[in-house]
Amino acid sequence: MSHSRPTQSVVIDPIKIAIGVFVVLGVVLTAVAAYALLESLAGGMAALPPELAMTVVFGAALLATGFAAHRAVPDRR
């Protein structure tokens, strides 16, 4: 007699992962291009150092990754 509970398996879809990676990469590259464009045209965001801009971009990517992981992992209640 087995008293173990059935476990749910998490299905990993490589196509969805690849699409997600390319979407995040596209957003990051768009943000970098916009920053470069503003910097070259009007001297724009001179008060914002590049280190801070990259920190914001990677922080947003980290939050998006955490949100996606939270949605992919089943609730453990």
N, C-alpha and C. Protein backbone atom coordinates (compact mmCIF):
# COMPACT_ATOMS: atom_id res chain seq x y z
N MET A 1 0.83 -1.17 0.00
CA MET A 1 0.00 0.00 0.00
C MET A 1 0.88 1.24 0.00
N SER A 2 0.59 2.11 -0.90
CA SER A 2 1.38 3.33 -1.02
C SER A 2 0.57 4.50 -0.49
N HIS A 3 1.21 5.31 0.34
CA HIS A 3 0.55 6.47 0.92
C HIS A 3 1.11 7.78 0.36
N SER A 4 1.79 7.71 -0.73
CA SER A 4 2.38 8.92 -1.30
C SER A 4 1.33 9.68 -2.10
N ARG A 5 1.48 11.00 -2.12
CA ARG A 5 0.57 11.84 -2.89
C ARG A 5 1.06 11.95 -4.32
N PRO A 6 0.16 12.05 -5.25
CA PRO A 6 0.61 12.25 -6.64
C PRO A 6 1.21 13.64 -6.78
N THR A 7 2.30 13.74 -7.51
CA THR A 7 2.96 15.03 -7.70
C THR A 7 2.63 15.58 -9.08
N GLN A 8 2.62 16.90 -9.13
CA GLN A 8 2.38 17.56 -10.42
C GLN A 8 3.73 17.78 -11.09
N SER A 9 3.77 17.48 -12.35
CA SER A 9 5.00 17.72 -13.08
C SER A 9 4.92 19.08 -13.78
N VAL A 10 6.03 19.77 -13.81
CA VAL A 10 6.12 21.07 -14.47
C VAL A 10 6.62 20.84 -15.89
N VAL A 11 5.84 21.27 -16.85
CA VAL A 11 6.21 21.10 -18.25
C VAL A 11 7.02 22.33 -18.68
N ILE A 12 8.22 22.09 -19.16
CA ILE A 12 9.08 23.17 -19.64
C ILE A 12 9.01 23.20 -21.16
N ASP A 13 8.53 24.31 -21.68
CA ASP A 13 8.39 24.46 -23.12
C ASP A 13 9.56 25.30 -23.65
N PRO A 14 10.50 24.69 -24.37
CA PRO A 14 11.66 25.44 -24.83
C PRO A 14 11.32 26.58 -25.80
N ILE A 15 10.25 26.44 -26.55
CA ILE A 15 9.86 27.50 -27.48
C ILE A 15 9.43 28.75 -26.71
N LYS A 16 8.63 28.57 -25.65
CA LYS A 16 8.19 29.70 -24.84
C LYS A 16 9.37 30.35 -24.13
N ILE A 17 10.31 29.55 -23.67
CA ILE A 17 11.49 30.09 -23.01
C ILE A 17 12.31 30.92 -24.00
N ALA A 18 12.51 30.39 -25.20
CA ALA A 18 13.28 31.11 -26.22
C ALA A 18 12.59 32.41 -26.60
N ILE A 19 11.28 32.38 -26.76
CA ILE A 19 10.54 33.61 -27.08
C ILE A 19 10.69 34.62 -25.96
N GLY A 20 10.58 34.17 -24.73
CA GLY A 20 10.73 35.07 -23.58
C GLY A 20 12.11 35.70 -23.53
N VAL A 21 13.13 34.90 -23.78
CA VAL A 21 14.50 35.43 -23.76
C VAL A 21 14.68 36.48 -24.85
N PHE A 22 14.16 36.20 -26.04
CA PHE A 22 14.31 37.16 -27.13
C PHE A 22 13.49 38.42 -26.91
N VAL A 23 12.34 38.30 -26.26
CA VAL A 23 11.55 39.50 -25.94
C VAL A 23 12.29 40.37 -24.94
N VAL A 24 12.84 39.76 -23.89
CA VAL A 24 13.60 40.52 -22.90
C VAL A 24 14.83 41.16 -23.55
N LEU A 25 15.53 40.40 -24.38
CA LEU A 25 16.69 40.94 -25.08
C LEU A 25 16.30 42.11 -25.98
N GLY A 26 15.17 41.99 -26.65
CA GLY A 26 14.70 43.08 -27.50
C GLY A 26 14.37 44.33 -26.71
N VAL A 27 13.75 44.16 -25.54
CA VAL A 27 13.42 45.31 -24.70
C VAL A 27 14.70 45.98 -24.20
N VAL A 28 15.66 45.18 -23.78
CA VAL A 28 16.92 45.73 -23.28
C VAL A 28 17.65 46.48 -24.40
N LEU A 29 17.73 45.88 -25.57
CA LEU A 29 18.42 46.54 -26.68
C LEU A 29 17.69 47.81 -27.12
N THR A 30 16.37 47.81 -27.06
CA THR A 30 15.60 49.01 -27.39
C THR A 30 15.87 50.12 -26.39
N ALA A 31 15.95 49.76 -25.10
CA ALA A 31 16.23 50.76 -24.08
C ALA A 31 17.63 51.33 -24.26
N VAL A 32 18.59 50.49 -24.58
CA VAL A 32 19.96 50.96 -24.80
C VAL A 32 20.02 51.87 -26.04
N ALA A 33 19.31 51.49 -27.08
CA ALA A 33 19.30 52.31 -28.30
C ALA A 33 18.62 53.66 -28.04
N ALA A 34 17.54 53.66 -27.28
CA ALA A 34 16.87 54.92 -26.97
C ALA A 34 17.77 55.81 -26.14
N TYR A 35 18.47 55.23 -25.21
CA TYR A 35 19.41 56.00 -24.39
C TYR A 35 20.52 56.59 -25.27
N ALA A 36 21.06 55.80 -26.18
CA ALA A 36 22.11 56.28 -27.07
C ALA A 36 21.59 57.38 -27.99
N LEU A 37 20.37 57.23 -28.48
CA LEU A 37 19.78 58.23 -29.36
C LEU A 37 19.57 59.55 -28.63
N LEU A 38 19.02 59.48 -27.43
CA LEU A 38 18.82 60.70 -26.65
C LEU A 38 20.15 61.36 -26.31
N GLU A 39 21.12 60.54 -26.01
CA GLU A 39 22.44 61.07 -25.65
C GLU A 39 23.11 61.75 -26.83
N SER A 40 22.95 61.19 -28.02
CA SER A 40 23.64 61.76 -29.18
C SER A 40 22.91 62.95 -29.78
N LEU A 41 21.59 62.98 -29.73
CA LEU A 41 20.85 64.06 -30.36
C LEU A 41 20.84 65.34 -29.54
N ALA A 42 20.42 65.26 -28.30
CA ALA A 42 20.21 66.48 -27.53
C ALA A 42 21.15 66.58 -26.34
N GLY A 43 22.05 65.66 -26.18
CA GLY A 43 22.85 65.66 -24.98
C GLY A 43 22.00 65.20 -23.81
N GLY A 44 20.78 64.92 -24.07
CA GLY A 44 19.67 64.46 -23.25
C GLY A 44 19.92 64.10 -21.82
N MET A 45 20.05 62.86 -21.57
CA MET A 45 20.04 62.38 -20.20
C MET A 45 21.46 62.38 -19.62
N ALA A 46 22.12 63.52 -19.71
CA ALA A 46 23.50 63.61 -19.24
C ALA A 46 23.58 63.47 -17.72
N ALA A 47 22.49 63.81 -17.05
CA ALA A 47 22.48 63.71 -15.59
C ALA A 47 22.37 62.26 -15.13
N LEU A 48 21.92 61.38 -16.01
CA LEU A 48 21.76 59.97 -15.67
C LEU A 48 23.00 59.20 -16.11
N PRO A 49 23.80 58.72 -15.16
CA PRO A 49 25.00 57.98 -15.55
C PRO A 49 24.64 56.63 -16.18
N PRO A 50 25.47 56.15 -17.08
CA PRO A 50 25.17 54.87 -17.74
C PRO A 50 25.06 53.71 -16.76
N GLU A 51 25.81 53.77 -15.66
CA GLU A 51 25.74 52.69 -14.68
C GLU A 51 24.36 52.61 -14.05
N LEU A 52 23.77 53.77 -13.77
CA LEU A 52 22.43 53.78 -13.19
C LEU A 52 21.40 53.28 -14.19
N ALA A 53 21.55 53.69 -15.46
CA ALA A 53 20.63 53.23 -16.49
C ALA A 53 20.68 51.72 -16.64
N MET A 54 21.88 51.14 -16.66
CA MET A 54 21.99 49.69 -16.79
C MET A 54 21.48 48.98 -15.54
N THR A 55 21.65 49.59 -14.38
CA THR A 55 21.11 49.02 -13.15
C THR A 55 19.59 48.95 -13.23
N VAL A 56 18.97 50.00 -13.73
CA VAL A 56 17.52 50.02 -13.87
C VAL A 56 17.06 48.96 -14.88
N VAL A 57 17.77 48.86 -16.00
CA VAL A 57 17.39 47.89 -17.04
C VAL A 57 17.52 46.46 -16.50
N PHE A 58 18.63 46.15 -15.86
CA PHE A 58 18.81 44.79 -15.35
C PHE A 58 17.90 44.52 -14.16
N GLY A 59 17.58 45.53 -13.37
CA GLY A 59 16.62 45.35 -12.29
C GLY A 59 15.24 45.02 -12.82
N ALA A 60 14.83 45.72 -13.88
CA ALA A 60 13.54 45.43 -14.50
C ALA A 60 13.53 44.03 -15.11
N ALA A 61 14.65 43.62 -15.72
CA ALA A 61 14.73 42.26 -16.27
C ALA A 61 14.65 41.22 -15.16
N LEU A 62 15.28 41.50 -14.01
CA LEU A 62 15.22 40.58 -12.88
C LEU A 62 13.80 40.46 -12.34
N LEU A 63 13.10 41.59 -12.25
CA LEU A 63 11.71 41.54 -11.80
C LEU A 63 10.83 40.77 -12.77
N ALA A 64 11.04 40.98 -14.07
CA ALA A 64 10.25 40.26 -15.07
C ALA A 64 10.54 38.77 -15.00
N THR A 65 11.79 38.39 -14.79
CA THR A 65 12.14 36.98 -14.67
C THR A 65 11.51 36.37 -13.43
N GLY A 66 11.55 37.09 -12.33
CA GLY A 66 10.93 36.60 -11.10
C GLY A 66 9.43 36.44 -11.24
N PHE A 67 8.78 37.39 -11.91
CA PHE A 67 7.34 37.28 -12.13
C PHE A 67 7.00 36.09 -13.02
N ALA A 68 7.80 35.88 -14.07
CA ALA A 68 7.56 34.75 -14.96
C ALA A 68 7.78 33.42 -14.24
N ALA A 69 8.81 33.36 -13.41
CA ALA A 69 9.07 32.13 -12.65
C ALA A 69 7.95 31.88 -11.64
N HIS A 70 7.45 32.95 -11.04
CA HIS A 70 6.35 32.80 -10.08
C HIS A 70 5.10 32.24 -10.76
N ARG A 71 4.85 32.66 -11.98
CA ARG A 71 3.69 32.15 -12.71
C ARG A 71 3.89 30.72 -13.17
N ALA A 72 5.13 30.32 -13.42
CA ALA A 72 5.39 28.98 -13.95
C ALA A 72 5.39 27.91 -12.86
N VAL A 73 5.76 28.28 -11.63
CA VAL A 73 5.85 27.30 -10.53
C VAL A 73 4.47 27.18 -9.90
N PRO A 74 3.98 25.97 -9.72
CA PRO A 74 2.66 25.79 -9.13
C PRO A 74 2.65 26.19 -7.64
N ASP A 75 1.49 26.59 -7.17
CA ASP A 75 1.33 26.98 -5.77
C ASP A 75 1.52 25.78 -4.86
N ARG A 76 2.25 25.94 -3.75
CA ARG A 76 2.57 24.81 -2.87
C ARG A 76 1.78 24.86 -1.58
N ARG A 77 0.54 25.15 -1.62
CA ARG A 77 -0.28 25.15 -0.40
C ARG A 77 -0.86 23.83 -0.12
